[in-house]
């Protein structure tokens, strides 16, 4: 007996990729319809609206969700899946149509960016699971909780994201983004913090601290090249007191997966992590999937196999 095709609820971020999604949605929808995809679509209207729409859709009986956008849209959708309390999160089948600037989450899972192969993947219906991370942090003098499917960054990574946020502009051009990253390097002072994990305490001034489930962030950089999305552990990378020139000299390591070979770079895997600033007046900042969230004190944990999503067939071997 042939299974009936799923009816998908599609949450579209029209502002993604500097407005490319909104401009091209009509042609995308036509291609989906031609591919026999049954769906209804809704557009987001504000920051974190995708999270709200996902929660409401699941409350109304939806179990098949598609997000259209980049890593930020993806993060909002998976937060809706994780925050809703109607069904276990892995009973929701999710898929991302990646139209964004960085598209880092899909790199770990090799989800296609071109619409034709993506539609073929959706039609094939192969799926897998991955772990989800959670983080608790301070913002606006209150404790908050957020989920992530890819990479969280602290210290320099969060400093850059916070700086970009204050510019209130889209940095869709990667050369401009690289210029901003290098400019921030001369503005950044190393963050004095304490890490606690696996019965250990590490106190230092850190260039960066990264916690990952996926391997890529920042437009293809590999701060956590040892991340495995289904091993029930968080990949942790922390970098000590690199000078600014050492950072520039070793930039190639961010892209080729060799970051852990530098003597001041430490990589490990943890199930929980606590980060505290050693200077209460200067907290250590936090970003998740390119969104600035807040600052220390910060705690991380993991939920195994929490996200169920469409992927290419070979992902079943993960």
Protein backbone atom coordinates (compact mmCIF):
# COMPACT_ATOMS: atom_id res chain seq x y z
CA UNK A 1 0.00 0.00 0.00
CA UNK A 2 1.46 3.37 -1.03
CA UNK A 3 1.68 5.94 1.75
CA UNK A 4 -0.11 9.23 1.05
CA UNK A 5 2.26 12.18 0.60
CA UNK A 6 2.70 14.51 3.55
CA UNK A 7 0.98 17.86 3.70
CA UNK A 8 3.64 20.39 4.70
CA UNK A 9 3.24 23.62 6.66
CA UNK A 10 5.89 25.95 5.24
CA UNK A 11 7.20 28.88 7.27
CA UNK A 12 8.88 31.36 4.93
CA UNK A 13 11.26 34.11 6.01
CA UNK A 14 10.91 36.65 3.18
CA UNK A 15 13.82 38.73 4.53
CA UNK A 16 16.33 35.86 4.33
CA UNK A 17 19.33 36.26 2.01
CA UNK A 18 18.84 40.03 1.90
CA UNK A 19 15.24 39.64 0.70
CA UNK A 20 15.95 37.00 -1.95
CA UNK A 21 13.42 34.59 -0.43
CA UNK A 22 10.57 37.10 -0.62
CA UNK A 23 11.42 38.12 -4.17
CA UNK A 24 11.62 34.53 -5.42
CA UNK A 25 8.90 32.84 -3.38
CA UNK A 26 6.28 32.81 -6.17
CA UNK A 27 8.59 30.86 -8.49
CA UNK A 28 9.68 28.55 -5.65
CA UNK A 29 6.03 27.77 -4.83
CA UNK A 30 5.34 27.02 -8.49
CA UNK A 31 8.24 24.54 -8.56
CA UNK A 32 6.97 22.86 -5.39
CA UNK A 33 3.49 22.49 -6.81
CA UNK A 34 4.91 21.06 -10.05
CA UNK A 35 6.79 18.52 -7.93
CA UNK A 36 3.56 17.32 -6.36
CA UNK A 37 4.36 18.79 -2.94
CA UNK A 38 1.21 19.41 -0.89
CA UNK A 39 1.65 22.50 1.29
CA UNK A 40 0.35 25.71 2.75
CA UNK A 41 2.71 28.60 3.42
CA UNK A 42 2.91 31.53 5.81
CA UNK A 43 5.39 34.42 5.93
CA UNK A 44 7.22 35.59 9.03
CA UNK A 45 6.81 39.24 9.96
CA UNK A 46 9.33 39.85 12.74
CA UNK A 47 12.24 38.45 14.71
CA UNK A 48 11.44 34.99 16.21
CA UNK A 49 8.05 34.94 14.54
CA UNK A 50 8.95 31.55 13.00
CA UNK A 51 9.21 30.10 16.51
CA UNK A 52 5.72 31.35 17.35
CA UNK A 53 4.26 30.08 14.07
CA UNK A 54 5.80 26.62 14.56
CA UNK A 55 4.43 26.31 18.11
CA UNK A 56 0.95 27.35 16.98
CA UNK A 57 1.00 25.00 13.99
CA UNK A 58 1.97 22.02 16.15
CA UNK A 59 -0.78 22.89 18.65
CA UNK A 60 -3.21 22.84 15.71
CA UNK A 61 -2.15 19.33 14.69
CA UNK A 62 0.69 19.97 12.23
CA UNK A 63 3.44 17.32 12.27
CA UNK A 64 5.31 18.21 9.05
CA UNK A 65 7.19 21.52 8.97
CA UNK A 66 9.42 23.19 6.39
CA UNK A 67 11.45 26.32 7.00
CA UNK A 68 12.57 28.54 4.12
CA UNK A 69 15.57 30.72 4.91
CA UNK A 70 19.06 30.52 6.35
CA UNK A 71 20.64 29.47 9.63
CA UNK A 72 18.67 32.07 11.60
CA UNK A 73 15.38 30.80 10.23
CA UNK A 74 16.47 27.24 10.93
CA UNK A 75 17.26 28.16 14.53
CA UNK A 76 13.86 29.78 15.01
CA UNK A 77 12.05 26.74 13.58
CA UNK A 78 13.89 24.19 15.70
CA UNK A 79 13.25 26.32 18.78
CA UNK A 80 9.54 26.14 18.01
CA UNK A 81 9.80 22.37 17.70
CA UNK A 82 11.68 22.11 20.99
CA UNK A 83 9.59 24.62 22.95
CA UNK A 84 6.17 23.21 22.10
CA UNK A 85 4.75 20.82 24.71
CA UNK A 86 2.15 18.92 22.65
CA UNK A 87 4.23 15.98 21.41
CA UNK A 88 7.83 14.78 21.76
CA UNK A 89 10.01 16.91 19.50
CA UNK A 90 11.15 13.96 17.38
CA UNK A 91 7.56 13.23 16.35
CA UNK A 92 7.72 16.36 14.19
CA UNK A 93 9.22 15.80 10.74
CA UNK A 94 11.20 18.87 9.70
CA UNK A 95 12.98 20.05 6.58
CA UNK A 96 14.92 23.22 5.75
CA UNK A 97 14.93 24.77 2.29
CA UNK A 98 18.25 26.60 2.64
CA UNK A 99 18.18 30.07 1.11
CA UNK A 100 20.41 32.18 3.30
CA UNK A 101 23.83 33.80 3.50
CA UNK A 102 25.83 31.22 5.45
CA UNK A 103 23.77 28.01 5.29
CA UNK A 104 26.12 26.29 7.75
CA UNK A 105 23.81 23.72 9.36
CA UNK A 106 23.14 22.00 6.03
CA UNK A 107 26.88 21.51 5.38
CA UNK A 108 27.16 18.85 8.09
CA UNK A 109 24.23 16.92 6.61
CA UNK A 110 24.96 17.71 2.93
CA UNK A 111 21.44 18.96 2.32
CA UNK A 112 21.33 20.38 -1.24
CA UNK A 113 20.97 24.11 -1.82
CA UNK A 114 19.69 23.90 -5.41
CA UNK A 115 15.92 23.66 -5.59
CA UNK A 116 15.73 20.74 -8.04
CA UNK A 117 17.86 18.30 -5.96
CA UNK A 118 16.18 19.60 -2.78
CA UNK A 119 12.71 18.75 -4.14
CA UNK A 120 13.97 15.28 -5.11
CA UNK A 121 15.28 14.83 -1.56
CA UNK A 122 11.92 15.88 -0.09
CA UNK A 123 10.04 13.53 -2.43
CA UNK A 124 12.32 10.61 -1.47
CA UNK A 125 11.38 11.15 2.18
CA UNK A 126 14.58 9.83 3.76
CA UNK A 127 15.04 11.11 7.30
CA UNK A 128 17.33 10.87 10.29
CA UNK A 129 17.69 12.30 13.80
CA UNK A 130 20.27 14.49 15.46
CA UNK A 131 20.93 15.72 18.96
CA UNK A 132 19.82 19.17 20.11
CA UNK A 133 21.75 21.43 22.43
CA UNK A 134 20.27 23.71 25.05
CA UNK A 135 21.80 26.76 26.68
CA UNK A 136 20.77 28.79 29.71
CA UNK A 137 22.11 32.33 29.94
CA UNK A 138 21.54 35.81 31.31
CA UNK A 139 19.84 38.60 29.36
CA UNK A 140 17.97 41.66 30.60
CA UNK A 141 18.71 40.60 34.19
CA UNK A 142 16.80 37.35 33.73
CA UNK A 143 17.67 33.70 33.13
CA UNK A 144 16.72 32.47 29.64
CA UNK A 145 16.77 29.13 27.80
CA UNK A 146 17.41 28.56 24.10
CA UNK A 147 17.97 25.52 21.87
CA UNK A 148 20.44 25.01 19.05
CA UNK A 149 21.00 22.47 16.29
CA UNK A 150 24.39 23.72 15.15
CA UNK A 151 27.01 25.84 16.97
CA UNK A 152 27.08 28.23 19.91
CA UNK A 153 29.94 30.69 20.25
CA UNK A 154 31.24 32.66 23.20
CA UNK A 155 33.89 35.34 23.70
CA UNK A 156 35.16 36.62 20.30
CA UNK A 157 32.46 34.91 18.19
CA UNK A 158 29.71 36.51 20.24
CA UNK A 159 31.55 39.86 20.27
CA UNK A 160 31.50 39.91 16.45
CA UNK A 161 27.81 38.95 16.24
CA UNK A 162 26.89 41.59 18.83
CA UNK A 163 28.89 44.20 16.89
CA UNK A 164 27.13 43.28 13.64
CA UNK A 165 23.74 43.51 15.39
CA UNK A 166 24.52 47.05 16.47
CA UNK A 167 25.30 48.00 12.88
CA UNK A 168 21.66 47.20 12.06
CA UNK A 169 22.52 46.21 8.51
CA UNK A 170 22.66 43.03 6.45
CA UNK A 171 26.14 41.65 5.79
CA UNK A 172 25.17 39.34 2.95
CA UNK A 173 28.45 40.04 1.16
CA UNK A 174 31.04 37.63 2.60
CA UNK A 175 33.94 39.99 1.85
CA UNK A 176 32.27 42.72 3.88
CA UNK A 177 31.61 40.23 6.68
CA UNK A 178 35.29 39.17 6.66
CA UNK A 179 36.29 42.83 6.88
CA UNK A 180 34.03 43.27 9.92
CA UNK A 181 35.51 40.15 11.56
CA UNK A 182 39.06 41.48 11.13
CA UNK A 183 38.05 44.93 12.32
CA UNK A 184 36.53 43.45 15.46
CA UNK A 185 39.78 41.61 16.17
CA UNK A 186 41.44 44.92 17.03
CA UNK A 187 38.49 46.00 19.18
CA UNK A 188 38.26 42.78 21.20
CA UNK A 189 39.84 42.19 24.60
CA UNK A 190 40.30 38.57 25.65
CA UNK A 191 37.55 37.31 27.95
CA UNK A 192 38.61 36.03 31.38
CA UNK A 193 36.38 33.07 32.24
CA UNK A 194 36.07 29.77 34.05
CA UNK A 195 34.97 26.60 32.24
CA UNK A 196 33.63 23.64 34.23
CA UNK A 197 33.11 20.26 32.57
CA UNK A 198 33.71 16.58 33.39
CA UNK A 199 34.91 17.43 36.89
CA UNK A 200 37.48 19.90 35.57
CA UNK A 201 37.91 23.66 35.96
CA UNK A 202 39.80 25.69 33.36
CA UNK A 203 40.48 29.35 34.06
CA UNK A 204 42.08 31.52 31.40
CA UNK A 205 41.67 34.51 29.12
CA UNK A 206 39.92 33.05 26.07
CA UNK A 207 40.00 34.13 22.47
CA UNK A 208 36.96 31.98 21.72
CA UNK A 209 34.80 29.20 23.16
CA UNK A 210 32.66 27.08 20.84
CA UNK A 211 30.07 24.39 21.58
CA UNK A 212 28.76 22.40 18.64
CA UNK A 213 26.54 19.65 17.34
CA UNK A 214 27.15 20.53 13.70
CA UNK A 215 30.65 21.16 12.38
CA UNK A 216 30.36 24.44 10.49
CA UNK A 217 29.62 28.04 11.44
CA UNK A 218 30.51 31.56 10.31
CA UNK A 219 30.14 30.79 6.62
CA UNK A 220 32.06 27.51 6.48
CA UNK A 221 34.49 27.84 9.40
CA UNK A 222 35.18 24.72 11.48
CA UNK A 223 35.59 25.73 15.11
CA UNK A 224 34.28 22.31 16.19
CA UNK A 225 35.54 19.94 13.46
CA UNK A 226 35.19 17.00 15.86
CA UNK A 227 31.41 17.48 16.27
CA UNK A 228 29.20 14.43 15.66
CA UNK A 229 25.47 15.20 15.44
CA UNK A 230 24.30 11.87 16.91
CA UNK A 231 26.82 10.86 19.58
CA UNK A 232 24.98 12.34 22.57
CA UNK A 233 27.85 14.74 23.28
CA UNK A 234 28.65 18.39 22.70
CA UNK A 235 31.87 19.18 20.85
CA UNK A 236 33.83 21.79 22.85
CA UNK A 237 36.67 23.94 21.53
CA UNK A 238 38.34 26.57 23.66
CA UNK A 239 41.22 28.77 22.59
CA UNK A 240 43.61 30.43 25.01
CA UNK A 241 45.59 33.63 24.80
CA UNK A 242 46.33 33.90 21.11
CA UNK A 243 47.67 37.25 19.99
CA UNK A 244 45.91 39.08 17.20
CA UNK A 245 48.70 38.24 14.77
CA UNK A 246 48.57 34.57 15.78
CA UNK A 247 44.87 34.57 14.98
CA UNK A 248 45.50 36.01 11.52
CA UNK A 249 48.39 33.62 10.89
CA UNK A 250 46.22 30.62 11.73
CA UNK A 251 43.03 31.74 9.96
CA UNK A 252 43.44 28.91 7.44
CA UNK A 253 42.89 26.42 10.27
CA UNK A 254 39.35 27.75 10.75
CA UNK A 255 38.46 26.39 7.31
CA UNK A 256 40.44 23.15 6.88
CA UNK A 257 39.52 21.39 10.12
CA UNK A 258 43.03 21.56 11.64
CA UNK A 259 42.25 24.10 14.38
CA UNK A 260 42.80 21.54 17.14
CA UNK A 261 46.43 21.05 16.08
CA UNK A 262 47.46 24.46 17.42
CA UNK A 263 49.02 24.17 20.93
CA UNK A 264 46.74 26.85 22.41
CA UNK A 265 43.59 25.24 21.03
CA UNK A 266 41.87 22.52 23.06
CA UNK A 267 39.15 20.21 21.73
CA UNK A 268 37.10 17.71 23.70
CA UNK A 269 33.55 16.37 24.07
CA UNK A 270 31.27 17.05 27.02
CA UNK A 271 27.69 16.39 28.03
CA UNK A 272 27.42 19.56 30.12
CA UNK A 273 29.41 22.78 30.36
CA UNK A 274 29.31 25.77 32.69
CA UNK A 275 30.92 29.09 31.77
CA UNK A 276 31.39 31.94 34.26
CA UNK A 277 33.13 35.25 33.83
CA UNK A 278 36.07 35.88 36.16
CA UNK A 279 35.22 39.58 36.04
CA UNK A 280 31.60 40.31 37.04
CA UNK A 281 31.88 43.76 35.45
CA UNK A 282 32.84 42.21 32.08
CA UNK A 283 30.64 39.18 31.30
CA UNK A 284 31.53 36.69 28.57
CA UNK A 285 29.12 37.07 25.64
CA UNK A 286 27.05 34.33 23.94
CA UNK A 287 25.70 33.82 20.41
CA UNK A 288 23.86 30.84 18.95
CA UNK A 289 23.70 30.14 15.21
CA UNK A 290 24.64 33.75 14.47
CA UNK A 291 22.18 35.37 16.90
CA UNK A 292 23.43 37.31 19.89
CA UNK A 293 21.61 36.09 23.02
CA UNK A 294 23.24 37.37 26.21
CA UNK A 295 26.08 36.56 28.55
CA UNK A 296 27.42 34.60 31.52
CA UNK A 297 26.63 32.75 33.65
CA UNK A 298 25.99 30.21 30.88
CA UNK A 299 25.20 26.48 31.07
CA UNK A 300 25.03 23.99 28.19
CA UNK A 301 23.46 20.55 27.88
CA UNK A 302 22.28 18.10 25.24
CA UNK A 303 19.10 16.19 24.32
CA UNK A 304 19.90 13.08 22.24
CA UNK A 305 18.05 12.39 18.95
CA UNK A 306 15.63 15.27 19.57
CA UNK A 307 15.36 16.58 16.00
CA UNK A 308 13.82 14.47 13.19
CA UNK A 309 14.50 15.85 9.73
CA UNK A 310 14.61 15.11 6.01
CA UNK A 311 18.09 14.49 4.60
CA UNK A 312 19.89 12.73 1.74
CA UNK A 313 19.72 8.91 1.92
CA UNK A 314 23.32 8.34 2.97
CA UNK A 315 22.66 10.19 6.24
CA UNK A 316 21.10 6.96 7.56
CA UNK A 317 24.69 5.75 8.05
CA UNK A 318 25.48 8.52 10.55
